[in-house]
């Protein structure tokens, strides 16, 4: 969904990137969002400032840009994302990725049978 300024609307769970006021790049996902205040609490997965990796910080929503959803097409990508889901503690995403991996494995078994 697009907002009035033609940027994708930010929602809880979205992967985002942005810059801190000190200039460091961050990539993470939104844990909670206050549209009225324009503040998002972002779990930092990676940053130029390694001291904040794994922490949750509050950022202004206008500092953030929503990242496009990943289009996963092979086993290696899914395994990488499963590791990421485990490291971020995202159980729902882990289950979703595991189901996708199991479906791919089953399809390969059927094709090779």
N, C-alpha and C. Protein backbone atom coordinates (compact mmCIF):
# COMPACT_ATOMS: atom_id res chain seq x y z
N UNK A 1 0.84 -1.17 0.00
CA UNK A 1 0.00 0.00 0.00
C UNK A 1 0.89 1.24 0.00
N UNK A 2 0.56 2.24 -0.79
CA UNK A 2 1.34 3.45 -0.86
C UNK A 2 0.69 4.54 -0.03
N UNK A 3 1.52 5.32 0.62
CA UNK A 3 1.01 6.44 1.39
C UNK A 3 0.91 7.66 0.48
N UNK A 4 0.53 8.76 1.05
CA UNK A 4 0.35 9.97 0.27
C UNK A 4 1.61 10.44 -0.43
N UNK A 5 2.78 10.12 0.12
CA UNK A 5 4.02 10.58 -0.49
C UNK A 5 4.62 9.54 -1.44
N UNK A 6 3.84 8.55 -1.86
CA UNK A 6 4.23 7.53 -2.82
C UNK A 6 5.34 6.59 -2.33
N UNK A 7 5.59 6.54 -1.04
CA UNK A 7 6.52 5.58 -0.48
C UNK A 7 5.69 4.48 0.17
N UNK A 8 6.19 3.23 0.14
CA UNK A 8 5.42 2.16 0.78
C UNK A 8 5.22 2.47 2.26
N UNK A 9 4.01 2.22 2.74
CA UNK A 9 3.67 2.45 4.14
C UNK A 9 4.47 1.48 5.02
N UNK A 10 5.03 2.00 6.10
CA UNK A 10 5.77 1.16 7.03
C UNK A 10 4.80 0.45 7.95
N UNK A 11 5.09 -0.83 8.23
CA UNK A 11 4.27 -1.64 9.11
C UNK A 11 5.18 -2.48 10.00
N UNK A 12 4.65 -2.90 11.12
CA UNK A 12 5.40 -3.78 12.02
C UNK A 12 5.82 -5.03 11.25
N UNK A 13 7.07 -5.42 11.40
CA UNK A 13 7.61 -6.59 10.71
C UNK A 13 8.35 -6.26 9.43
N UNK A 14 8.15 -5.05 8.88
CA UNK A 14 8.86 -4.67 7.65
C UNK A 14 10.36 -4.60 7.89
N UNK A 15 11.11 -5.04 6.89
CA UNK A 15 12.56 -4.86 6.89
C UNK A 15 12.83 -3.46 6.35
N UNK A 16 13.72 -2.74 7.03
CA UNK A 16 14.00 -1.36 6.67
C UNK A 16 15.50 -1.09 6.70
N UNK A 17 15.87 -0.01 6.01
CA UNK A 17 17.23 0.49 6.13
C UNK A 17 17.14 1.98 6.36
N UNK A 18 18.19 2.54 6.90
CA UNK A 18 18.19 3.96 7.17
C UNK A 18 19.54 4.39 7.68
N UNK A 19 19.61 5.66 8.01
CA UNK A 19 20.84 6.22 8.55
C UNK A 19 20.55 6.86 9.90
N UNK A 20 21.43 6.62 10.85
CA UNK A 20 21.33 7.29 12.13
C UNK A 20 21.71 8.75 11.96
N UNK A 21 21.41 9.58 12.95
CA UNK A 21 21.77 10.99 12.85
C UNK A 21 23.28 11.19 12.76
N UNK A 22 24.05 10.18 13.19
CA UNK A 22 25.52 10.23 13.09
C UNK A 22 26.03 9.71 11.76
N UNK A 23 25.10 9.25 10.89
CA UNK A 23 25.47 8.84 9.54
C UNK A 23 25.62 7.34 9.32
N UNK A 24 25.63 6.53 10.38
CA UNK A 24 25.81 5.09 10.21
C UNK A 24 24.58 4.46 9.55
N UNK A 25 24.84 3.56 8.62
CA UNK A 25 23.78 2.80 7.95
C UNK A 25 23.30 1.70 8.88
N UNK A 26 21.99 1.50 8.92
CA UNK A 26 21.41 0.39 9.69
C UNK A 26 20.47 -0.39 8.79
N UNK A 27 20.38 -1.69 9.07
CA UNK A 27 19.38 -2.56 8.44
C UNK A 27 18.77 -3.39 9.55
N UNK A 28 17.45 -3.45 9.56
CA UNK A 28 16.76 -4.21 10.59
C UNK A 28 15.29 -4.34 10.27
N UNK A 29 14.51 -4.70 11.27
CA UNK A 29 13.08 -4.84 11.06
C UNK A 29 12.32 -4.12 12.16
N UNK A 30 11.12 -3.66 11.82
CA UNK A 30 10.31 -2.88 12.74
C UNK A 30 9.63 -3.81 13.74
N UNK A 31 9.92 -3.59 15.03
CA UNK A 31 9.28 -4.36 16.10
C UNK A 31 7.97 -3.71 16.53
N UNK A 32 7.93 -2.39 16.54
CA UNK A 32 6.70 -1.68 16.87
C UNK A 32 6.73 -0.31 16.19
N UNK A 33 5.55 0.26 16.05
CA UNK A 33 5.42 1.47 15.25
C UNK A 33 4.37 2.39 15.85
N UNK A 34 4.69 3.67 15.95
CA UNK A 34 3.73 4.67 16.38
C UNK A 34 3.59 5.69 15.26
N UNK A 35 2.56 5.50 14.43
CA UNK A 35 2.36 6.41 13.30
C UNK A 35 2.04 7.83 13.77
N UNK A 36 1.35 7.96 14.90
CA UNK A 36 1.00 9.29 15.40
C UNK A 36 2.25 10.09 15.77
N UNK A 37 3.21 9.41 16.38
CA UNK A 37 4.44 10.08 16.78
C UNK A 37 5.51 10.03 15.69
N UNK A 38 5.31 9.17 14.68
CA UNK A 38 6.30 9.02 13.62
C UNK A 38 7.57 8.34 14.08
N UNK A 39 7.41 7.38 14.99
CA UNK A 39 8.56 6.68 15.57
C UNK A 39 8.40 5.18 15.37
N UNK A 40 9.49 4.54 14.97
CA UNK A 40 9.51 3.09 14.83
C UNK A 40 10.62 2.54 15.73
N UNK A 41 10.31 1.45 16.42
CA UNK A 41 11.34 0.74 17.18
C UNK A 41 11.86 -0.35 16.26
N UNK A 42 13.16 -0.27 15.94
CA UNK A 42 13.78 -1.14 14.94
C UNK A 42 14.81 -2.04 15.61
N UNK A 43 14.68 -3.35 15.37
CA UNK A 43 15.69 -4.32 15.81
C UNK A 43 16.80 -4.28 14.77
N UNK A 44 17.98 -3.84 15.19
CA UNK A 44 19.11 -3.69 14.27
C UNK A 44 19.76 -5.05 14.05
N UNK A 45 19.80 -5.48 12.80
CA UNK A 45 20.42 -6.75 12.44
C UNK A 45 21.87 -6.50 12.02
N UNK A 46 22.09 -5.43 11.28
CA UNK A 46 23.45 -5.08 10.89
C UNK A 46 23.56 -3.56 10.79
N UNK A 47 24.76 -3.07 11.10
CA UNK A 47 24.98 -1.63 11.09
C UNK A 47 26.47 -1.35 10.91
N UNK A 48 26.77 -0.14 10.43
CA UNK A 48 28.16 0.31 10.39
C UNK A 48 28.72 0.40 11.81
N UNK A 49 27.84 0.67 12.76
CA UNK A 49 28.21 0.74 14.18
C UNK A 49 27.91 -0.61 14.80
N UNK A 50 28.90 -1.48 14.87
CA UNK A 50 28.68 -2.85 15.34
C UNK A 50 28.21 -2.93 16.78
N UNK A 51 28.40 -1.87 17.55
CA UNK A 51 27.96 -1.87 18.95
C UNK A 51 26.45 -1.94 19.10
N UNK A 52 25.70 -1.55 18.05
CA UNK A 52 24.24 -1.56 18.17
C UNK A 52 23.60 -2.77 17.50
N UNK A 53 24.39 -3.62 16.86
CA UNK A 53 23.84 -4.84 16.25
C UNK A 53 23.13 -5.67 17.32
N UNK A 54 21.89 -6.08 17.01
CA UNK A 54 21.11 -6.89 17.94
C UNK A 54 20.28 -6.07 18.92
N UNK A 55 20.49 -4.77 18.96
CA UNK A 55 19.72 -3.91 19.87
C UNK A 55 18.49 -3.36 19.17
N UNK A 56 17.53 -2.92 19.95
CA UNK A 56 16.34 -2.25 19.43
C UNK A 56 16.49 -0.77 19.73
N UNK A 57 16.34 0.05 18.69
CA UNK A 57 16.45 1.49 18.87
C UNK A 57 15.24 2.19 18.24
N UNK A 58 14.90 3.35 18.77
CA UNK A 58 13.80 4.14 18.24
C UNK A 58 14.34 5.09 17.17
N UNK A 59 13.67 5.11 16.03
CA UNK A 59 14.05 5.99 14.93
C UNK A 59 12.82 6.68 14.39
N UNK A 60 13.02 7.86 13.84
CA UNK A 60 11.93 8.54 13.16
C UNK A 60 11.61 7.78 11.88
N UNK A 61 10.34 7.64 11.58
CA UNK A 61 9.95 6.89 10.39
C UNK A 61 10.48 7.54 9.11
N UNK A 62 10.69 8.86 9.14
CA UNK A 62 11.22 9.50 7.93
C UNK A 62 12.71 9.24 7.73
N UNK A 63 13.36 8.56 8.68
CA UNK A 63 14.75 8.14 8.54
C UNK A 63 14.84 6.76 7.88
N UNK A 64 13.71 6.11 7.69
CA UNK A 64 13.69 4.71 7.26
C UNK A 64 13.13 4.56 5.85
N UNK A 65 13.65 3.56 5.17
CA UNK A 65 13.12 3.18 3.86
C UNK A 65 12.82 1.68 3.91
N UNK A 66 11.62 1.33 3.50
CA UNK A 66 11.20 -0.06 3.49
C UNK A 66 11.98 -0.83 2.43
N UNK A 67 12.49 -2.00 2.81
CA UNK A 67 13.20 -2.86 1.86
C UNK A 67 12.21 -3.78 1.16
N UNK A 68 12.45 -4.08 -0.11
CA UNK A 68 11.53 -4.98 -0.82
C UNK A 68 11.60 -6.39 -0.24
N UNK A 69 10.50 -7.10 -0.35
CA UNK A 69 10.44 -8.48 0.11
C UNK A 69 11.37 -9.34 -0.74
N UNK A 70 12.07 -10.25 -0.09
CA UNK A 70 13.00 -11.12 -0.81
C UNK A 70 12.23 -12.17 -1.59
N UNK A 71 12.66 -12.41 -2.81
CA UNK A 71 12.08 -13.45 -3.64
C UNK A 71 13.04 -14.64 -3.59
N UNK A 72 12.75 -15.58 -2.71
CA UNK A 72 13.64 -16.71 -2.47
C UNK A 72 13.35 -17.81 -3.48
N UNK A 73 14.42 -18.29 -4.13
CA UNK A 73 14.19 -19.28 -5.18
C UNK A 73 15.03 -20.54 -5.06
N UNK A 74 15.96 -20.60 -4.10
CA UNK A 74 16.74 -21.84 -4.00
C UNK A 74 17.00 -22.21 -2.54
N UNK A 75 17.44 -23.45 -2.37
CA UNK A 75 17.63 -24.02 -1.05
C UNK A 75 18.63 -23.23 -0.21
N UNK A 76 19.73 -22.78 -0.83
CA UNK A 76 20.76 -22.05 -0.10
C UNK A 76 20.22 -20.73 0.46
N UNK A 77 19.39 -20.05 -0.32
CA UNK A 77 18.80 -18.80 0.15
C UNK A 77 17.87 -19.06 1.34
N UNK A 78 17.08 -20.12 1.24
CA UNK A 78 16.15 -20.44 2.33
C UNK A 78 16.93 -20.80 3.59
N UNK A 79 17.99 -21.58 3.45
CA UNK A 79 18.80 -21.95 4.62
C UNK A 79 19.42 -20.72 5.27
N UNK A 80 19.89 -19.78 4.46
CA UNK A 80 20.45 -18.54 5.00
C UNK A 80 19.38 -17.78 5.77
N UNK A 81 18.18 -17.67 5.18
CA UNK A 81 17.10 -16.94 5.85
C UNK A 81 16.62 -17.65 7.11
N UNK A 82 16.66 -18.98 7.11
CA UNK A 82 16.32 -19.73 8.32
C UNK A 82 17.31 -19.38 9.44
N UNK A 83 18.59 -19.31 9.11
CA UNK A 83 19.59 -18.90 10.10
C UNK A 83 19.30 -17.50 10.61
N UNK A 84 18.92 -16.61 9.71
CA UNK A 84 18.61 -15.24 10.11
C UNK A 84 17.37 -15.21 11.01
N UNK A 85 16.36 -15.98 10.66
CA UNK A 85 15.15 -16.05 11.49
C UNK A 85 15.49 -16.57 12.89
N UNK A 86 16.36 -17.55 12.96
CA UNK A 86 16.78 -18.08 14.27
C UNK A 86 17.55 -17.04 15.06
N UNK A 87 18.45 -16.33 14.40
CA UNK A 87 19.27 -15.35 15.11
C UNK A 87 18.46 -14.15 15.57
N UNK A 88 17.35 -13.86 14.89
CA UNK A 88 16.50 -12.73 15.30
C UNK A 88 15.34 -13.18 16.18
N UNK A 89 15.20 -14.50 16.39
CA UNK A 89 14.14 -15.00 17.25
C UNK A 89 12.75 -14.91 16.65
N UNK A 90 12.67 -14.88 15.32
CA UNK A 90 11.38 -14.74 14.64
C UNK A 90 10.82 -16.14 14.36
N UNK A 91 10.04 -16.66 15.30
CA UNK A 91 9.53 -18.03 15.22
C UNK A 91 8.56 -18.22 14.05
N UNK A 92 7.70 -17.23 13.83
CA UNK A 92 6.73 -17.33 12.74
C UNK A 92 7.42 -17.40 11.38
N UNK A 93 8.43 -16.55 11.18
CA UNK A 93 9.19 -16.54 9.92
C UNK A 93 9.96 -17.86 9.76
N UNK A 94 10.54 -18.36 10.87
CA UNK A 94 11.25 -19.63 10.85
C UNK A 94 10.32 -20.75 10.37
N UNK A 95 9.11 -20.80 10.92
CA UNK A 95 8.16 -21.84 10.53
C UNK A 95 7.78 -21.71 9.05
N UNK A 96 7.55 -20.48 8.61
CA UNK A 96 7.21 -20.22 7.21
C UNK A 96 8.32 -20.70 6.28
N UNK A 97 9.56 -20.36 6.63
CA UNK A 97 10.70 -20.76 5.79
C UNK A 97 10.92 -22.27 5.84
N UNK A 98 10.73 -22.87 7.01
CA UNK A 98 10.88 -24.33 7.14
C UNK A 98 9.85 -25.06 6.30
N UNK A 99 8.62 -24.55 6.30
CA UNK A 99 7.57 -25.15 5.47
C UNK A 99 7.93 -25.05 3.99
N UNK A 100 8.47 -23.90 3.59
CA UNK A 100 8.87 -23.71 2.19
C UNK A 100 10.00 -24.67 1.82
N UNK A 101 10.97 -24.83 2.72
CA UNK A 101 12.08 -25.75 2.48
C UNK A 101 11.57 -27.18 2.38
N UNK A 102 10.66 -27.56 3.27
CA UNK A 102 10.09 -28.92 3.24
C UNK A 102 9.31 -29.16 1.95
N UNK A 103 8.58 -28.15 1.48
CA UNK A 103 7.84 -28.27 0.23
C UNK A 103 8.79 -28.47 -0.95
N UNK A 104 9.88 -27.71 -0.95
CA UNK A 104 10.86 -27.84 -2.03
C UNK A 104 11.49 -29.24 -2.01
N UNK A 105 11.82 -29.73 -0.82
CA UNK A 105 12.43 -31.05 -0.68
C UNK A 105 11.47 -32.13 -1.16
N UNK A 106 10.19 -32.01 -0.78
CA UNK A 106 9.18 -32.98 -1.21
C UNK A 106 9.02 -32.95 -2.72
N UNK A 107 8.99 -31.77 -3.32
CA UNK A 107 8.85 -31.64 -4.77
C UNK A 107 10.03 -32.31 -5.48
N UNK A 108 11.23 -32.12 -4.95
CA UNK A 108 12.42 -32.76 -5.56
C UNK A 108 12.31 -34.27 -5.48
N UNK A 109 11.83 -34.79 -4.35
CA UNK A 109 11.66 -36.23 -4.20
C UNK A 109 10.67 -36.77 -5.23
N UNK A 110 9.57 -36.03 -5.44
CA UNK A 110 8.55 -36.46 -6.40
C UNK A 110 9.06 -36.40 -7.82
N UNK A 111 9.86 -35.38 -8.14
CA UNK A 111 10.40 -35.23 -9.50
C UNK A 111 11.41 -36.34 -9.79
N UNK A 112 12.21 -36.69 -8.78
CA UNK A 112 13.25 -37.70 -8.96
C UNK A 112 12.73 -39.13 -8.84
N UNK A 113 11.48 -39.29 -8.43
CA UNK A 113 10.93 -40.66 -8.23
C UNK A 113 10.54 -41.28 -9.56
